[in-house]
Amino acid sequence: MATSIRLDSDTEDRLNQLAAQTGRTKAYYLRELVARGLEDLEDYYLAASTLERVRKGEETVHTAESVRRELGLED
């Protein structure tokens, strides 16, 4: 799927330099940025969503002590 974005001139210059110095295309680095950035965004927003459910009492929470006890790991 083709998508276009506008970059400020400083960012585009940095991207051009990186591509020129490494022999890879700008498209390669843009795909890498999106993939890695998307992972970070997913982690952040999914964690924030879970935290909100915990605060509302909609998510089960276990203490380390209760998990150790349930698994028979108490000292």
C-alpha atoms as a PDB file:
ATOM      1  CA  MET A   1       0.000   0.000   0.000  1.00  0.00           C
ATOM      2  CA  ALA A   2       1.447   3.332  -0.987  1.00  0.00           C
ATOM      3  CA  THR A   3       1.400   6.061   1.630  1.00  0.00           C
ATOM      4  CA  SER A   4       2.974   9.479   1.506  1.00  0.00           C
ATOM      5  CA  ILE A   5       4.231  11.709   4.301  1.00  0.00           C
ATOM      6  CA  ARG A   6       5.755  15.149   4.448  1.00  0.00           C
ATOM      7  CA  LEU A   7       9.042  15.528   6.303  1.00  0.00           C
ATOM      8  CA  ASP A   8      10.605  18.732   7.498  1.00  0.00           C
ATOM      9  CA  SER A   9      13.795  19.600   5.647  1.00  0.00           C
ATOM     10  CA  ASP A  10      16.115  18.678   8.551  1.00  0.00           C
ATOM     11  CA  THR A  11      14.588  15.218   8.877  1.00  0.00           C
ATOM     12  CA  GLU A  12      14.689  14.660   5.142  1.00  0.00           C
ATOM     13  CA  ASP A  13      18.333  15.748   5.025  1.00  0.00           C
ATOM     14  CA  ARG A  14      19.204  13.286   7.800  1.00  0.00           C
ATOM     15  CA  LEU A  15      17.335  10.506   6.010  1.00  0.00           C
ATOM     16  CA  ASN A  16      19.096  11.321   2.734  1.00  0.00           C
ATOM     17  CA  GLN A  17      22.504  11.267   4.438  1.00  0.00           C
ATOM     18  CA  LEU A  18      21.794   7.947   6.135  1.00  0.00           C
ATOM     19  CA  ALA A  19      20.645   6.384   2.876  1.00  0.00           C
ATOM     20  CA  ALA A  20      23.661   7.730   0.981  1.00  0.00           C
ATOM     21  CA  GLN A  21      26.159   6.593   3.615  1.00  0.00           C
ATOM     22  CA  THR A  22      24.737   3.086   3.943  1.00  0.00           C
ATOM     23  CA  GLY A  23      23.674   2.362   0.388  1.00  0.00           C
ATOM     24  CA  ARG A  24      20.122   1.600   1.444  1.00  0.00           C
ATOM     25  CA  THR A  25      17.039   3.392   0.197  1.00  0.00           C
ATOM     26  CA  LYS A  26      15.082   6.022   2.072  1.00  0.00           C
ATOM     27  CA  ALA A  27      12.059   3.724   1.728  1.00  0.00           C
ATOM     28  CA  TYR A  28      13.949   0.998   3.606  1.00  0.00           C
ATOM     29  CA  TYR A  29      14.554   3.281   6.569  1.00  0.00           C
ATOM     30  CA  LEU A  30      11.030   4.643   6.537  1.00  0.00           C
ATOM     31  CA  ARG A  31       9.649   1.082   6.654  1.00  0.00           C
ATOM     32  CA  GLU A  32      12.009   0.302   9.548  1.00  0.00           C
ATOM     33  CA  LEU A  33      10.905   3.414  11.423  1.00  0.00           C
ATOM     34  CA  VAL A  34       7.233   2.598  10.977  1.00  0.00           C
ATOM     35  CA  ALA A  35       7.627  -1.027  12.033  1.00  0.00           C
ATOM     36  CA  ARG A  36       9.710  -0.235  15.121  1.00  0.00           C
ATOM     37  CA  GLY A  37       7.669   2.815  16.007  1.00  0.00           C
ATOM     38  CA  LEU A  38       4.441   0.877  15.652  1.00  0.00           C
ATOM     39  CA  GLU A  39       5.726  -1.739  18.108  1.00  0.00           C
ATOM     40  CA  ASP A  40       6.477   1.021  20.614  1.00  0.00           C
ATOM     41  CA  LEU A  41       3.054   2.616  20.115  1.00  0.00           C
ATOM     42  CA  GLU A  42       1.309  -0.733  20.515  1.00  0.00           C
ATOM     43  CA  ASP A  43       3.212  -1.411  23.738  1.00  0.00           C
ATOM     44  CA  TYR A  44       2.402   2.021  25.124  1.00  0.00           C
ATOM     45  CA  TYR A  45      -1.280   2.173  24.237  1.00  0.00           C
ATOM     46  CA  LEU A  46      -2.032  -1.450  25.154  1.00  0.00           C
ATOM     47  CA  ALA A  47      -0.320  -0.929  28.517  1.00  0.00           C
ATOM     48  CA  ALA A  48      -2.262   2.298  29.076  1.00  0.00           C
ATOM     49  CA  SER A  49      -5.501   0.505  28.221  1.00  0.00           C
ATOM     50  CA  THR A  50      -4.711  -2.307  30.668  1.00  0.00           C
ATOM     51  CA  LEU A  51      -3.811   0.184  33.400  1.00  0.00           C
ATOM     52  CA  GLU A  52      -7.151   1.931  32.901  1.00  0.00           C
ATOM     53  CA  ARG A  53      -8.987  -1.399  33.267  1.00  0.00           C
ATOM     54  CA  VAL A  54      -6.992  -2.128  36.445  1.00  0.00           C
ATOM     55  CA  ARG A  55      -7.935   1.279  37.869  1.00  0.00           C
ATOM     56  CA  LYS A  56     -11.606   0.602  37.084  1.00  0.00           C
ATOM     57  CA  GLY A  57     -11.409  -2.832  38.719  1.00  0.00           C
ATOM     58  CA  GLU A  58     -12.108  -4.548  35.393  1.00  0.00           C
ATOM     59  CA  GLU A  59      -8.789  -6.408  35.237  1.00  0.00           C
ATOM     60  CA  THR A  60      -7.651  -9.171  37.579  1.00  0.00           C
ATOM     61  CA  VAL A  61      -4.511  -8.275  39.510  1.00  0.00           C
ATOM     62  CA  HIS A  62      -2.309 -10.736  41.386  1.00  0.00           C
ATOM     63  CA  THR A  63       0.284  -9.867  43.977  1.00  0.00           C
ATOM     64  CA  ALA A  64       3.679 -11.548  43.843  1.00  0.00           C
ATOM     65  CA  GLU A  65       2.923 -13.053  47.253  1.00  0.00           C
ATOM     66  CA  SER A  66      -0.349 -14.636  46.105  1.00  0.00           C
ATOM     67  CA  VAL A  67       1.307 -16.062  42.973  1.00  0.00           C
ATOM     68  CA  ARG A  68       4.162 -17.580  45.015  1.00  0.00           C
ATOM     69  CA  ARG A  69       1.671 -19.057  47.462  1.00  0.00           C
ATOM     70  CA  GLU A  70      -0.559 -20.469  44.676  1.00  0.00           C
ATOM     71  CA  LEU A  71       2.443 -22.019  42.925  1.00  0.00           C
ATOM     72  CA  GLY A  72       3.897 -23.390  46.146  1.00  0.00           C
ATOM     73  CA  LEU A  73       7.022 -21.243  45.908  1.00  0.00           C
ATOM     74  CA  GLU A  74       6.958 -19.775  49.394  1.00  0.00           C
ATOM     75  CA  ASP A  75      10.186 -20.115  51.351  1.00  0.00           C
END
